[in-house]
Amino acid sequence: MGIFYYEVVSIDGDYANLKRMDSESEELKLVARALLPPEIAEGTKLKYEWMQYEIINGDC
């Protein structure tokens, strides 16, 4: 399992669009908000590790 860094690009109802911060890809990942910390907002940075998302501060 790896560690991946994301930024919340948009929130649409029960889903959020995440963009990888540690990759050149412009592709967005659609994730159910139930899997994300409840405090997320657009621009929130997240770390994904061991099938869990965690809010982080600063750059990856």
N, C-alpha and C. Protein backbone atom coordinates (compact mmCIF):
# COMPACT_ATOMS: atom_id res chain seq x y z
N MET A 1 0.85 -1.18 0.00
CA MET A 1 0.00 0.00 0.00
C MET A 1 0.89 1.23 0.00
N GLY A 2 0.46 2.19 -0.79
CA GLY A 2 1.21 3.43 -0.85
C GLY A 2 0.51 4.55 -0.11
N ILE A 3 1.18 5.69 -0.12
CA ILE A 3 0.61 6.91 0.44
C ILE A 3 0.37 7.86 -0.72
N PHE A 4 -0.85 8.42 -0.79
CA PHE A 4 -1.22 9.32 -1.87
C PHE A 4 -1.75 10.61 -1.27
N TYR A 5 -1.53 11.71 -1.96
CA TYR A 5 -1.99 13.02 -1.50
C TYR A 5 -3.00 13.60 -2.48
N TYR A 6 -4.07 14.14 -1.95
CA TYR A 6 -5.17 14.67 -2.76
C TYR A 6 -5.57 16.05 -2.27
N GLU A 7 -6.23 16.78 -3.15
CA GLU A 7 -6.88 18.04 -2.79
C GLU A 7 -8.34 17.94 -3.20
N VAL A 8 -9.23 18.40 -2.33
CA VAL A 8 -10.65 18.41 -2.66
C VAL A 8 -10.89 19.53 -3.65
N VAL A 9 -11.32 19.18 -4.86
CA VAL A 9 -11.56 20.16 -5.92
C VAL A 9 -12.99 20.68 -5.84
N SER A 10 -13.93 19.79 -5.62
CA SER A 10 -15.33 20.20 -5.52
C SER A 10 -16.11 19.16 -4.72
N ILE A 11 -17.23 19.63 -4.17
CA ILE A 11 -18.13 18.77 -3.42
C ILE A 11 -19.48 18.84 -4.09
N ASP A 12 -20.04 17.67 -4.39
CA ASP A 12 -21.33 17.60 -5.08
C ASP A 12 -22.22 16.61 -4.33
N GLY A 13 -23.01 17.13 -3.40
CA GLY A 13 -23.90 16.27 -2.63
C GLY A 13 -23.14 15.31 -1.75
N ASP A 14 -23.35 14.02 -1.98
CA ASP A 14 -22.72 12.98 -1.17
C ASP A 14 -21.35 12.55 -1.68
N TYR A 15 -20.81 13.28 -2.66
CA TYR A 15 -19.53 12.91 -3.27
C TYR A 15 -18.60 14.11 -3.33
N ALA A 16 -17.30 13.82 -3.38
CA ALA A 16 -16.29 14.85 -3.54
C ALA A 16 -15.36 14.45 -4.68
N ASN A 17 -14.91 15.42 -5.44
CA ASN A 17 -13.94 15.19 -6.51
C ASN A 17 -12.56 15.53 -5.97
N LEU A 18 -11.66 14.56 -6.02
CA LEU A 18 -10.30 14.73 -5.52
C LEU A 18 -9.31 14.72 -6.66
N LYS A 19 -8.27 15.57 -6.54
CA LYS A 19 -7.20 15.63 -7.54
C LYS A 19 -5.90 15.23 -6.86
N ARG A 20 -5.16 14.33 -7.49
CA ARG A 20 -3.86 13.90 -6.95
C ARG A 20 -2.90 15.08 -6.95
N MET A 21 -2.23 15.28 -5.83
CA MET A 21 -1.25 16.36 -5.71
C MET A 21 0.16 15.85 -5.98
N ASP A 22 0.36 14.55 -5.90
CA ASP A 22 1.69 13.97 -6.06
C ASP A 22 1.87 13.30 -7.42
N SER A 23 1.04 13.72 -8.38
CA SER A 23 1.08 13.13 -9.72
C SER A 23 0.75 14.21 -10.75
N GLU A 24 1.19 14.00 -11.96
CA GLU A 24 0.93 14.94 -13.04
C GLU A 24 -0.47 14.81 -13.63
N SER A 25 -1.20 13.79 -13.24
CA SER A 25 -2.51 13.50 -13.81
C SER A 25 -3.53 14.60 -13.50
N GLU A 26 -4.33 14.93 -14.48
CA GLU A 26 -5.41 15.90 -14.32
C GLU A 26 -6.74 15.20 -14.02
N GLU A 27 -6.72 13.87 -13.99
CA GLU A 27 -7.93 13.08 -13.76
C GLU A 27 -8.40 13.24 -12.32
N LEU A 28 -9.72 13.39 -12.15
CA LEU A 28 -10.30 13.52 -10.82
C LEU A 28 -10.81 12.17 -10.33
N LYS A 29 -10.77 11.99 -9.03
CA LYS A 29 -11.26 10.76 -8.40
C LYS A 29 -12.53 11.11 -7.64
N LEU A 30 -13.63 10.42 -7.92
CA LEU A 30 -14.91 10.64 -7.26
C LEU A 30 -14.98 9.73 -6.04
N VAL A 31 -15.15 10.34 -4.84
CA VAL A 31 -15.14 9.58 -3.58
C VAL A 31 -16.38 9.94 -2.78
N ALA A 32 -17.02 8.94 -2.21
CA ALA A 32 -18.18 9.17 -1.35
C ALA A 32 -17.73 9.95 -0.11
N ARG A 33 -18.50 10.97 0.26
CA ARG A 33 -18.14 11.79 1.42
C ARG A 33 -18.14 11.00 2.71
N ALA A 34 -18.87 9.90 2.76
CA ALA A 34 -18.89 9.05 3.95
C ALA A 34 -17.51 8.47 4.25
N LEU A 35 -16.64 8.39 3.24
CA LEU A 35 -15.29 7.86 3.41
C LEU A 35 -14.28 8.93 3.79
N LEU A 36 -14.71 10.19 3.76
CA LEU A 36 -13.82 11.33 4.02
C LEU A 36 -14.09 11.94 5.38
N PRO A 37 -13.12 12.66 5.95
CA PRO A 37 -13.37 13.35 7.20
C PRO A 37 -14.53 14.34 7.03
N PRO A 38 -15.40 14.48 8.02
CA PRO A 38 -16.58 15.35 7.88
C PRO A 38 -16.25 16.83 7.73
N GLU A 39 -15.06 17.26 8.12
CA GLU A 39 -14.69 18.67 8.08
C GLU A 39 -14.21 19.15 6.71
N ILE A 40 -14.20 18.29 5.69
CA ILE A 40 -13.63 18.70 4.40
C ILE A 40 -14.41 19.85 3.78
N ALA A 41 -13.69 20.63 2.98
CA ALA A 41 -14.25 21.72 2.18
C ALA A 41 -13.41 21.78 0.91
N GLU A 42 -13.85 22.55 -0.07
CA GLU A 42 -13.05 22.71 -1.28
C GLU A 42 -11.69 23.30 -0.89
N GLY A 43 -10.63 22.70 -1.41
CA GLY A 43 -9.28 23.15 -1.10
C GLY A 43 -8.62 22.37 0.02
N THR A 44 -9.37 21.53 0.73
CA THR A 44 -8.79 20.71 1.80
C THR A 44 -7.80 19.72 1.22
N LYS A 45 -6.67 19.57 1.87
CA LYS A 45 -5.65 18.61 1.45
C LYS A 45 -5.78 17.35 2.31
N LEU A 46 -5.65 16.21 1.63
CA LEU A 46 -5.84 14.92 2.29
C LEU A 46 -4.67 13.98 2.02
N LYS A 47 -4.41 13.12 2.98
CA LYS A 47 -3.46 12.02 2.79
C LYS A 47 -4.27 10.74 2.82
N TYR A 48 -4.02 9.86 1.86
CA TYR A 48 -4.68 8.55 1.79
C TYR A 48 -3.65 7.48 2.08
N GLU A 49 -3.88 6.72 3.15
CA GLU A 49 -2.98 5.65 3.53
C GLU A 49 -3.78 4.57 4.23
N TRP A 50 -3.53 3.32 3.89
CA TRP A 50 -4.21 2.17 4.48
C TRP A 50 -5.73 2.33 4.43
N MET A 51 -6.22 2.75 3.27
CA MET A 51 -7.66 2.85 2.99
C MET A 51 -8.36 3.88 3.89
N GLN A 52 -7.62 4.91 4.35
CA GLN A 52 -8.20 5.97 5.15
C GLN A 52 -7.72 7.32 4.65
N TYR A 53 -8.61 8.31 4.69
CA TYR A 53 -8.27 9.68 4.33
C TYR A 53 -8.09 10.48 5.61
N GLU A 54 -7.05 11.32 5.63
CA GLU A 54 -6.75 12.16 6.78
C GLU A 54 -6.43 13.57 6.29
N ILE A 55 -6.96 14.58 6.96
CA ILE A 55 -6.69 15.97 6.60
C ILE A 55 -5.25 16.30 7.00
N ILE A 56 -4.53 16.97 6.08
CA ILE A 56 -3.16 17.41 6.36
C ILE A 56 -3.06 18.91 6.14
N ASN A 57 -2.05 19.49 6.69
CA ASN A 57 -1.74 20.90 6.49
C ASN A 57 -0.47 21.01 5.67
N GLY A 58 -0.42 21.97 4.78
CA GLY A 58 0.79 22.20 4.01
C GLY A 58 0.88 21.34 2.77
N ASP A 59 2.07 21.35 2.18
CA ASP A 59 2.32 20.61 0.94
C ASP A 59 2.72 19.18 1.24
N CYS A 60 2.55 18.34 0.21
CA CYS A 60 2.94 16.94 0.38
C CYS A 60 4.42 16.77 0.12
